[in-house]
């Protein structure tokens, strides 16, 4: 992981993160390997996995 400050790459990464969170929340069968589980980091950042990453 690295910090990103350029708008276009940052927007793409945020969209990918949102899509991934949607897949996790959907409850559908999802492979449990080959990805980094970011839930602990998101909780520490104060983000909820409830409704499209709303802030507490």
PDB file of N, CA and C in Angstrom:
ATOM      1  N   UNK A   1       0.826  -1.166   0.000  1.00  0.00           N
ATOM      2  CA  UNK A   1       0.000   0.000   0.000  1.00  0.00           C
ATOM      3  C   UNK A   1       0.877   1.238   0.000  1.00  0.00           C
ATOM      4  N   UNK A   2       0.337   2.275  -0.601  1.00  0.00           N
ATOM      5  CA  UNK A   2       1.044   3.553  -0.614  1.00  0.00           C
ATOM      6  C   UNK A   2       0.025   4.684  -0.678  1.00  0.00           C
ATOM      7  N   UNK A   3       0.454   5.871  -0.290  1.00  0.00           N
ATOM      8  CA  UNK A   3      -0.420   7.031  -0.354  1.00  0.00           C
ATOM      9  C   UNK A   3      -0.599   7.454  -1.801  1.00  0.00           C
ATOM     10  N   UNK A   4      -1.774   7.945  -2.116  1.00  0.00           N
ATOM     11  CA  UNK A   4      -2.070   8.412  -3.466  1.00  0.00           C
ATOM     12  C   UNK A   4      -2.642   9.818  -3.354  1.00  0.00           C
ATOM     13  N   UNK A   5      -2.094  10.754  -4.127  1.00  0.00           N
ATOM     14  CA  UNK A   5      -2.568  12.133  -4.073  1.00  0.00           C
ATOM     15  C   UNK A   5      -3.128  12.617  -5.405  1.00  0.00           C
ATOM     16  N   UNK A   6      -2.946  11.864  -6.469  1.00  0.00           N
ATOM     17  CA  UNK A   6      -3.463  12.276  -7.781  1.00  0.00           C
ATOM     18  C   UNK A   6      -4.933  11.887  -7.892  1.00  0.00           C
ATOM     19  N   UNK A   7      -5.728  12.794  -8.444  1.00  0.00           N
ATOM     20  CA  UNK A   7      -7.186  12.638  -8.445  1.00  0.00           C
ATOM     21  C   UNK A   7      -7.674  11.388  -9.182  1.00  0.00           C
ATOM     22  N   UNK A   8      -7.272  11.180 -10.405  1.00  0.00           N
ATOM     23  CA  UNK A   8      -7.792  10.062 -11.209  1.00  0.00           C
ATOM     24  C   UNK A   8      -7.463   8.698 -10.601  1.00  0.00           C
ATOM     25  N   UNK A   9      -6.206   8.427 -10.261  1.00  0.00           N
ATOM     26  CA  UNK A   9      -5.929   7.116  -9.633  1.00  0.00           C
ATOM     27  C   UNK A   9      -6.650   6.952  -8.301  1.00  0.00           C
ATOM     28  N   UNK A  10      -6.759   8.026  -7.535  1.00  0.00           N
ATOM     29  CA  UNK A  10      -7.454   7.960  -6.253  1.00  0.00           C
ATOM     30  C   UNK A  10      -8.928   7.643  -6.450  1.00  0.00           C
ATOM     31  N   UNK A  11      -9.556   8.272  -7.428  1.00  0.00           N
ATOM     32  CA  UNK A  11     -10.958   8.005  -7.727  1.00  0.00           C
ATOM     33  C   UNK A  11     -11.164   6.544  -8.126  1.00  0.00           C
ATOM     34  N   UNK A  12     -10.275   6.017  -8.950  1.00  0.00           N
ATOM     35  CA  UNK A  12     -10.377   4.614  -9.369  1.00  0.00           C
ATOM     36  C   UNK A  12     -10.253   3.679  -8.162  1.00  0.00           C
ATOM     37  N   UNK A  13      -9.297   3.953  -7.282  1.00  0.00           N
ATOM     38  CA  UNK A  13      -9.109   3.116  -6.093  1.00  0.00           C
ATOM     39  C   UNK A  13     -10.314   3.186  -5.162  1.00  0.00           C
ATOM     40  N   UNK A  14     -10.898   4.368  -4.998  1.00  0.00           N
ATOM     41  CA  UNK A  14     -12.086   4.509  -4.160  1.00  0.00           C
ATOM     42  C   UNK A  14     -13.277   3.749  -4.749  1.00  0.00           C
ATOM     43  N   UNK A  15     -13.419   3.791  -6.060  1.00  0.00           N
ATOM     44  CA  UNK A  15     -14.502   3.050  -6.709  1.00  0.00           C
ATOM     45  C   UNK A  15     -14.306   1.546  -6.544  1.00  0.00           C
ATOM     46  N   UNK A  16     -13.070   1.089  -6.660  1.00  0.00           N
ATOM     47  CA  UNK A  16     -12.792  -0.334  -6.478  1.00  0.00           C
ATOM     48  C   UNK A  16     -13.065  -0.757  -5.032  1.00  0.00           C
ATOM     49  N   UNK A  17     -12.699   0.096  -4.087  1.00  0.00           N
ATOM     50  CA  UNK A  17     -12.950  -0.193  -2.677  1.00  0.00           C
ATOM     51  C   UNK A  17     -14.447  -0.262  -2.403  1.00  0.00           C
ATOM     52  N   UNK A  18     -15.195   0.669  -2.972  1.00  0.00           N
ATOM     53  CA  UNK A  18     -16.650   0.684  -2.800  1.00  0.00           C
ATOM     54  C   UNK A  18     -17.278  -0.576  -3.404  1.00  0.00           C
ATOM     55  N   UNK A  19     -16.808  -0.970  -4.571  1.00  0.00           N
ATOM     56  CA  UNK A  19     -17.326  -2.179  -5.217  1.00  0.00           C
ATOM     57  C   UNK A  19     -17.025  -3.416  -4.377  1.00  0.00           C
ATOM     58  N   UNK A  20     -15.828  -3.491  -3.835  1.00  0.00           N
ATOM     59  CA  UNK A  20     -15.428  -4.635  -3.018  1.00  0.00           C
ATOM     60  C   UNK A  20     -16.268  -4.694  -1.751  1.00  0.00           C
ATOM     61  N   UNK A  21     -16.479  -3.547  -1.111  1.00  0.00           N
ATOM     62  CA  UNK A  21     -17.303  -3.509   0.106  1.00  0.00           C
ATOM     63  C   UNK A  21     -18.733  -3.924  -0.213  1.00  0.00           C
ATOM     64  N   UNK A  22     -19.255  -3.516  -1.342  1.00  0.00           N
ATOM     65  CA  UNK A  22     -20.605  -3.913  -1.753  1.00  0.00           C
ATOM     66  C   UNK A  22     -20.687  -5.431  -1.890  1.00  0.00           C
ATOM     67  N   UNK A  23     -19.678  -6.027  -2.504  1.00  0.00           N
ATOM     68  CA  UNK A  23     -19.652  -7.485  -2.656  1.00  0.00           C
ATOM     69  C   UNK A  23     -19.619  -8.178  -1.296  1.00  0.00           C
ATOM     70  N   UNK A  24     -18.835  -7.637  -0.367  1.00  0.00           N
ATOM     71  CA  UNK A  24     -18.759  -8.233   0.967  1.00  0.00           C
ATOM     72  C   UNK A  24     -20.091  -8.115   1.699  1.00  0.00           C
ATOM     73  N   UNK A  25     -20.770  -6.974   1.573  1.00  0.00           N
ATOM     74  CA  UNK A  25     -22.038  -6.750   2.265  1.00  0.00           C
ATOM     75  C   UNK A  25     -23.183  -7.545   1.644  1.00  0.00           C
ATOM     76  N   UNK A  26     -23.056  -7.917   0.389  1.00  0.00           N
ATOM     77  CA  UNK A  26     -24.163  -8.584  -0.307  1.00  0.00           C
ATOM     78  C   UNK A  26     -24.455  -9.968   0.274  1.00  0.00           C
ATOM     79  N   UNK A  27     -23.469 -10.558   0.942  1.00  0.00           N
ATOM     80  CA  UNK A  27     -23.665 -11.870   1.536  1.00  0.00           C
ATOM     81  C   UNK A  27     -23.511 -13.018   0.559  1.00  0.00           C
ATOM     82  N   UNK A  28     -23.211 -12.724  -0.684  1.00  0.00           N
ATOM     83  CA  UNK A  28     -23.016 -13.779  -1.684  1.00  0.00           C
ATOM     84  C   UNK A  28     -21.720 -14.530  -1.389  1.00  0.00           C
ATOM     85  N   UNK A  29     -21.642 -15.762  -1.874  1.00  0.00           N
ATOM     86  CA  UNK A  29     -20.407 -16.525  -1.730  1.00  0.00           C
ATOM     87  C   UNK A  29     -19.279 -15.763  -2.403  1.00  0.00           C
ATOM     88  N   UNK A  30     -18.195 -15.629  -1.695  1.00  0.00           N
ATOM     89  CA  UNK A  30     -17.070 -14.853  -2.195  1.00  0.00           C
ATOM     90  C   UNK A  30     -15.794 -15.573  -1.806  1.00  0.00           C
ATOM     91  N   UNK A  31     -14.831 -15.670  -2.711  1.00  0.00           N
ATOM     92  CA  UNK A  31     -13.585 -16.364  -2.375  1.00  0.00           C
ATOM     93  C   UNK A  31     -12.909 -15.715  -1.169  1.00  0.00           C
ATOM     94  N   UNK A  32     -12.427 -16.513  -0.253  1.00  0.00           N
ATOM     95  CA  UNK A  32     -11.812 -16.003   0.964  1.00  0.00           C
ATOM     96  C   UNK A  32     -10.298 -15.963   0.866  1.00  0.00           C
ATOM     97  N   UNK A  33      -9.776 -15.902  -0.329  1.00  0.00           N
ATOM     98  CA  UNK A  33      -8.330 -15.827  -0.490  1.00  0.00           C
ATOM     99  C   UNK A  33      -7.981 -14.842  -1.604  1.00  0.00           C
ATOM    100  N   UNK A  34      -6.735 -14.508  -1.703  1.00  0.00           N
ATOM    101  CA  UNK A  34      -6.195 -13.627  -2.733  1.00  0.00           C
ATOM    102  C   UNK A  34      -6.672 -12.183  -2.607  1.00  0.00           C
ATOM    103  N   UNK A  35      -6.988 -11.746  -1.405  1.00  0.00           N
ATOM    104  CA  UNK A  35      -7.273 -10.337  -1.175  1.00  0.00           C
ATOM    105  C   UNK A  35      -6.932  -9.994   0.267  1.00  0.00           C
ATOM    106  N   UNK A  36      -6.713  -8.737   0.513  1.00  0.00           N
ATOM    107  CA  UNK A  36      -6.384  -8.258   1.863  1.00  0.00           C
ATOM    108  C   UNK A  36      -7.678  -7.873   2.566  1.00  0.00           C
ATOM    109  N   UNK A  37      -7.960  -8.471   3.716  1.00  0.00           N
ATOM    110  CA  UNK A  37      -9.153  -8.146   4.483  1.00  0.00           C
ATOM    111  C   UNK A  37      -8.924  -6.817   5.196  1.00  0.00           C
ATOM    112  N   UNK A  38      -9.611  -5.779   4.751  1.00  0.00           N
ATOM    113  CA  UNK A  38      -9.398  -4.423   5.261  1.00  0.00           C
ATOM    114  C   UNK A  38     -10.391  -4.036   6.355  1.00  0.00           C
ATOM    115  N   UNK A  39     -11.228  -4.958   6.816  1.00  0.00           N
ATOM    116  CA  UNK A  39     -12.265  -4.610   7.781  1.00  0.00           C
ATOM    117  C   UNK A  39     -11.689  -3.994   9.054  1.00  0.00           C
ATOM    118  N   UNK A  40     -10.627  -4.537   9.582  1.00  0.00           N
ATOM    119  CA  UNK A  40     -10.038  -3.989  10.806  1.00  0.00           C
ATOM    120  C   UNK A  40      -9.536  -2.566  10.576  1.00  0.00           C
ATOM    121  N   UNK A  41      -8.948  -2.326   9.420  1.00  0.00           N
ATOM    122  CA  UNK A  41      -8.446  -0.985   9.094  1.00  0.00           C
ATOM    123  C   UNK A  41      -9.600  -0.001   8.928  1.00  0.00           C
ATOM    124  N   UNK A  42     -10.673  -0.446   8.294  1.00  0.00           N
ATOM    125  CA  UNK A  42     -11.829   0.424   8.096  1.00  0.00           C
ATOM    126  C   UNK A  42     -12.481   0.770   9.430  1.00  0.00           C
ATOM    127  N   UNK A  43     -12.580  -0.210  10.320  1.00  0.00           N
ATOM    128  CA  UNK A  43     -13.138   0.057  11.644  1.00  0.00           C
ATOM    129  C   UNK A  43     -12.268   1.058  12.399  1.00  0.00           C
ATOM    130  N   UNK A  44     -10.955   0.871  12.317  1.00  0.00           N
ATOM    131  CA  UNK A  44     -10.037   1.777  12.999  1.00  0.00           C
ATOM    132  C   UNK A  44     -10.128   3.193  12.427  1.00  0.00           C
ATOM    133  N   UNK A  45     -10.431   3.299  11.140  1.00  0.00           N
ATOM    134  CA  UNK A  45     -10.570   4.608  10.497  1.00  0.00           C
ATOM    135  C   UNK A  45     -11.927   5.235  10.786  1.00  0.00           C
ATOM    136  N   UNK A  46     -12.819   4.481  11.430  1.00  0.00           N
ATOM    137  CA  UNK A  46     -14.123   5.014  11.782  1.00  0.00           C
ATOM    138  C   UNK A  46     -15.164   4.820  10.706  1.00  0.00           C
ATOM    139  N   UNK A  47     -14.922   3.912   9.770  1.00  0.00           N
ATOM    140  CA  UNK A  47     -15.881   3.659   8.702  1.00  0.00           C
ATOM    141  C   UNK A  47     -16.721   2.442   9.039  1.00  0.00           C
ATOM    142  N   UNK A  48     -17.983   2.477   8.658  1.00  0.00           N
ATOM    143  CA  UNK A  48     -18.882   1.357   8.870  1.00  0.00           C
ATOM    144  C   UNK A  48     -19.107   0.660   7.541  1.00  0.00           C
ATOM    145  N   UNK A  49     -19.376  -0.622   7.597  1.00  0.00           N
ATOM    146  CA  UNK A  49     -19.666  -1.370   6.378  1.00  0.00           C
ATOM    147  C   UNK A  49     -21.174  -1.427   6.144  1.00  0.00           C
ATOM    148  N   UNK A  50     -21.936  -0.576   6.809  1.00  0.00           N
ATOM    149  CA  UNK A  50     -23.385  -0.624   6.708  1.00  0.00           C
ATOM    150  C   UNK A  50     -23.941  -0.106   5.399  1.00  0.00           C
ATOM    151  N   UNK A  51     -23.870   1.169   5.161  1.00  0.00           N
ATOM    152  CA  UNK A  51     -24.510   1.726   3.973  1.00  0.00           C
ATOM    153  C   UNK A  51     -23.524   2.536   3.157  1.00  0.00           C
ATOM    154  N   UNK A  52     -22.883   1.873   2.271  1.00  0.00           N
ATOM    155  CA  UNK A  52     -21.929   2.502   1.348  1.00  0.00           C
ATOM    156  C   UNK A  52     -20.906   3.389   2.043  1.00  0.00           C
ATOM    157  N   UNK A  53     -20.241   2.811   3.051  1.00  0.00           N
ATOM    158  CA  UNK A  53     -19.184   3.485   3.801  1.00  0.00           C
ATOM    159  C   UNK A  53     -19.612   4.821   4.376  1.00  0.00           C
ATOM    160  N   UNK A  54     -20.564   4.803   5.263  1.00  0.00           N
ATOM    161  CA  UNK A  54     -20.962   6.028   5.927  1.00  0.00           C
ATOM    162  C   UNK A  54     -20.067   6.267   7.143  1.00  0.00           C
ATOM    163  N   UNK A  55     -19.815   7.500   7.437  1.00  0.00           N
ATOM    164  CA  UNK A  55     -19.017   7.851   8.602  1.00  0.00           C
ATOM    165  C   UNK A  55     -19.869   7.748   9.850  1.00  0.00           C
ATOM    166  N   UNK A  56     -19.289   7.379  10.975  1.00  0.00           N
ATOM    167  CA  UNK A  56     -20.021   7.304  12.245  1.00  0.00           C
ATOM    168  C   UNK A  56     -20.369   8.680  12.735  1.00  0.00           C
TER     169      UNK A  56
END
